[in-house]
Amino acid sequence: MTALPLLSNLVQDNKLADDLVVGRAHIQRLAPELLGEIFLHCVPLPVEPISYQYAPLLLLHVSHYWRDVAKGTPQLWQDAHMGHPFKLDPCLIFQMWLDYSASLPLRVTL
């Protein structure tokens, strides 16, 4: 084996290591529109009561990039199913869903 493929592998390994050190996972490089589409498939069906355990709230706590993409994907915020008893402040949740759903219709179930 020549030194060139070994050097190439070493460079690739270092690039991956550099990416991991500075926190740039490959999914962080996806365009926000594509990542937003992926996020839409993370919403539980049937819709679960709003919780930090499920999308879309869960997506807000992964990274700043994911938070920005989730907040900028109004389709994620079209359905609000409030379980009973309320585990989160309903006024805060409704305001968040109204803000993030932007001009899209909001479906609320209790």
C-alpha atoms as a PDB file:
ATOM      1  CA  MET A   1       0.000   0.000   0.000  1.00  0.00           C
ATOM      2  CA  THR A   2       1.332   3.418  -0.877  1.00  0.00           C
ATOM      3  CA  ALA A   3       1.551   6.349   1.452  1.00  0.00           C
ATOM      4  CA  LEU A   4      -1.047   8.377  -0.519  1.00  0.00           C
ATOM      5  CA  PRO A   5      -4.131   6.317   0.493  1.00  0.00           C
ATOM      6  CA  LEU A   6      -2.881   6.215   4.085  1.00  0.00           C
ATOM      7  CA  LEU A   7      -2.452   9.984   4.071  1.00  0.00           C
ATOM      8  CA  SER A   8      -5.905  10.399   2.522  1.00  0.00           C
ATOM      9  CA  ASN A   9      -7.456   8.224   5.243  1.00  0.00           C
ATOM     10  CA  LEU A  10      -5.621  10.167   7.920  1.00  0.00           C
ATOM     11  CA  VAL A  11      -6.864  13.476   6.516  1.00  0.00           C
ATOM     12  CA  GLN A  12     -10.437  12.164   6.423  1.00  0.00           C
ATOM     13  CA  ASP A  13     -10.160  10.851   9.998  1.00  0.00           C
ATOM     14  CA  ASN A  14      -8.808  14.215  11.169  1.00  0.00           C
ATOM     15  CA  LYS A  15     -11.588  16.067   9.359  1.00  0.00           C
ATOM     16  CA  LEU A  16     -14.183  13.911  11.098  1.00  0.00           C
ATOM     17  CA  ALA A  17     -12.427  14.419  14.427  1.00  0.00           C
ATOM     18  CA  ASP A  18     -12.340  18.172  13.860  1.00  0.00           C
ATOM     19  CA  ASP A  19     -16.056  18.165  13.038  1.00  0.00           C
ATOM     20  CA  LEU A  20     -16.844  16.263  16.218  1.00  0.00           C
ATOM     21  CA  VAL A  21     -14.651  18.512  18.353  1.00  0.00           C
ATOM     22  CA  VAL A  22     -16.392  21.668  17.194  1.00  0.00           C
ATOM     23  CA  GLY A  23     -19.806  19.987  17.319  1.00  0.00           C
ATOM     24  CA  ARG A  24     -20.639  19.926  13.619  1.00  0.00           C
ATOM     25  CA  ALA A  25     -22.389  16.623  13.141  1.00  0.00           C
ATOM     26  CA  HIS A  26     -23.384  15.836   9.572  1.00  0.00           C
ATOM     27  CA  ILE A  27     -27.072  16.439  10.306  1.00  0.00           C
ATOM     28  CA  GLN A  28     -26.183  19.988  11.380  1.00  0.00           C
ATOM     29  CA  ARG A  29     -25.077  20.644   7.801  1.00  0.00           C
ATOM     30  CA  LEU A  30     -28.475  19.889   6.278  1.00  0.00           C
ATOM     31  CA  ALA A  31     -30.391  22.789   4.820  1.00  0.00           C
ATOM     32  CA  PRO A  32     -33.026  24.048   7.264  1.00  0.00           C
ATOM     33  CA  GLU A  33     -35.815  23.191   4.808  1.00  0.00           C
ATOM     34  CA  LEU A  34     -34.682  19.565   4.633  1.00  0.00           C
ATOM     35  CA  LEU A  35     -34.179  19.270   8.384  1.00  0.00           C
ATOM     36  CA  GLY A  36     -37.640  20.793   8.888  1.00  0.00           C
ATOM     37  CA  GLU A  37     -39.125  18.080   6.667  1.00  0.00           C
ATOM     38  CA  ILE A  38     -37.364  15.436   8.742  1.00  0.00           C
ATOM     39  CA  PHE A  39     -38.735  17.060  11.900  1.00  0.00           C
ATOM     40  CA  LEU A  40     -42.282  16.739  10.555  1.00  0.00           C
ATOM     41  CA  HIS A  41     -41.826  12.963  10.598  1.00  0.00           C
ATOM     42  CA  CYS A  42     -40.844  13.105  14.268  1.00  0.00           C
ATOM     43  CA  VAL A  43     -44.259  14.274  15.440  1.00  0.00           C
ATOM     44  CA  PRO A  44     -45.984  11.333  17.128  1.00  0.00           C
ATOM     45  CA  LEU A  45     -49.102   9.930  15.477  1.00  0.00           C
ATOM     46  CA  PRO A  46     -51.624   9.736  16.898  1.00  0.00           C
ATOM     47  CA  VAL A  47     -50.875  13.095  18.423  1.00  0.00           C
ATOM     48  CA  GLU A  48     -49.625  12.779  22.002  1.00  0.00           C
ATOM     49  CA  PRO A  49     -50.362  15.359  24.693  1.00  0.00           C
ATOM     50  CA  ILE A  50     -47.849  18.185  24.577  1.00  0.00           C
ATOM     51  CA  SER A  51     -44.724  17.171  26.431  1.00  0.00           C
ATOM     52  CA  TYR A  52     -40.986  17.781  26.384  1.00  0.00           C
ATOM     53  CA  GLN A  53     -40.657  14.051  25.638  1.00  0.00           C
ATOM     54  CA  TYR A  54     -42.060  14.448  22.109  1.00  0.00           C
ATOM     55  CA  ALA A  55     -41.583  16.616  19.049  1.00  0.00           C
ATOM     56  CA  PRO A  56     -41.852  19.483  18.557  1.00  0.00           C
ATOM     57  CA  LEU A  57     -40.829  20.552  22.095  1.00  0.00           C
ATOM     58  CA  LEU A  58     -38.139  17.878  22.285  1.00  0.00           C
ATOM     59  CA  LEU A  59     -36.482  19.266  19.134  1.00  0.00           C
ATOM     60  CA  LEU A  60     -36.009  22.635  20.828  1.00  0.00           C
ATOM     61  CA  HIS A  61     -33.542  21.113  23.287  1.00  0.00           C
ATOM     62  CA  VAL A  62     -31.090  19.354  20.942  1.00  0.00           C
ATOM     63  CA  SER A  63     -29.021  22.291  19.667  1.00  0.00           C
ATOM     64  CA  HIS A  64     -29.350  25.962  18.800  1.00  0.00           C
ATOM     65  CA  TYR A  65     -29.558  25.036  15.119  1.00  0.00           C
ATOM     66  CA  TRP A  66     -32.340  22.511  15.691  1.00  0.00           C
ATOM     67  CA  ARG A  67     -34.179  25.015  17.874  1.00  0.00           C
ATOM     68  CA  ASP A  68     -34.035  27.660  15.131  1.00  0.00           C
ATOM     69  CA  VAL A  69     -35.175  25.170  12.463  1.00  0.00           C
ATOM     70  CA  ALA A  70     -38.023  23.834  14.619  1.00  0.00           C
ATOM     71  CA  LYS A  71     -39.218  27.342  15.480  1.00  0.00           C
ATOM     72  CA  GLY A  72     -39.055  28.238  11.776  1.00  0.00           C
ATOM     73  CA  THR A  73     -41.116  25.226  10.646  1.00  0.00           C
ATOM     74  CA  PRO A  74     -44.743  26.308  11.212  1.00  0.00           C
ATOM     75  CA  GLN A  75     -46.186  22.932  10.197  1.00  0.00           C
ATOM     76  CA  LEU A  76     -44.666  21.426  13.372  1.00  0.00           C
ATOM     77  CA  TRP A  77     -46.877  23.653  15.463  1.00  0.00           C
ATOM     78  CA  GLN A  78     -50.271  23.157  13.786  1.00  0.00           C
ATOM     79  CA  ASP A  79     -51.598  20.579  16.268  1.00  0.00           C
ATOM     80  CA  ALA A  80     -51.822  21.149  20.000  1.00  0.00           C
ATOM     81  CA  HIS A  81     -53.238  18.290  22.034  1.00  0.00           C
ATOM     82  CA  MET A  82     -53.507  19.288  25.659  1.00  0.00           C
ATOM     83  CA  GLY A  83     -53.642  16.247  27.897  1.00  0.00           C
ATOM     84  CA  HIS A  84     -55.522  16.396  31.154  1.00  0.00           C
ATOM     85  CA  PRO A  85     -54.426  17.201  33.736  1.00  0.00           C
ATOM     86  CA  PHE A  86     -52.243  19.863  32.141  1.00  0.00           C
ATOM     87  CA  LYS A  87     -48.591  19.172  32.816  1.00  0.00           C
ATOM     88  CA  LEU A  88     -47.394  22.436  31.300  1.00  0.00           C
ATOM     89  CA  ASP A  89     -48.776  25.960  31.618  1.00  0.00           C
ATOM     90  CA  PRO A  90     -51.610  25.998  29.046  1.00  0.00           C
ATOM     91  CA  CYS A  91     -51.372  29.772  28.498  1.00  0.00           C
ATOM     92  CA  LEU A  92     -47.665  29.529  27.746  1.00  0.00           C
ATOM     93  CA  ILE A  93     -48.193  26.511  25.458  1.00  0.00           C
ATOM     94  CA  PHE A  94     -51.024  28.128  23.491  1.00  0.00           C
ATOM     95  CA  GLN A  95     -49.020  31.312  23.018  1.00  0.00           C
ATOM     96  CA  MET A  96     -45.997  29.313  21.847  1.00  0.00           C
ATOM     97  CA  TRP A  97     -48.089  27.295  19.389  1.00  0.00           C
ATOM     98  CA  LEU A  98     -49.787  30.441  18.074  1.00  0.00           C
ATOM     99  CA  ASP A  99     -46.449  32.186  17.581  1.00  0.00           C
ATOM    100  CA  TYR A 100     -44.650  29.263  15.931  1.00  0.00           C
ATOM    101  CA  SER A 101     -47.546  28.113  13.728  1.00  0.00           C
ATOM    102  CA  ALA A 102     -47.339  31.583  12.139  1.00  0.00           C
ATOM    103  CA  SER A 103     -50.189  32.061   9.663  1.00  0.00           C
ATOM    104  CA  LEU A 104     -51.113  28.362   9.503  1.00  0.00           C
ATOM    105  CA  PRO A 105     -54.353  27.196  11.115  1.00  0.00           C
ATOM    106  CA  LEU A 106     -53.976  25.799  14.624  1.00  0.00           C
ATOM    107  CA  ARG A 107     -55.902  22.662  15.666  1.00  0.00           C
ATOM    108  CA  VAL A 108     -56.359  22.400  19.430  1.00  0.00           C
ATOM    109  CA  THR A 109     -57.768  19.358  21.204  1.00  0.00           C
ATOM    110  CA  LEU A 110     -58.322  18.919  24.912  1.00  0.00           C
END
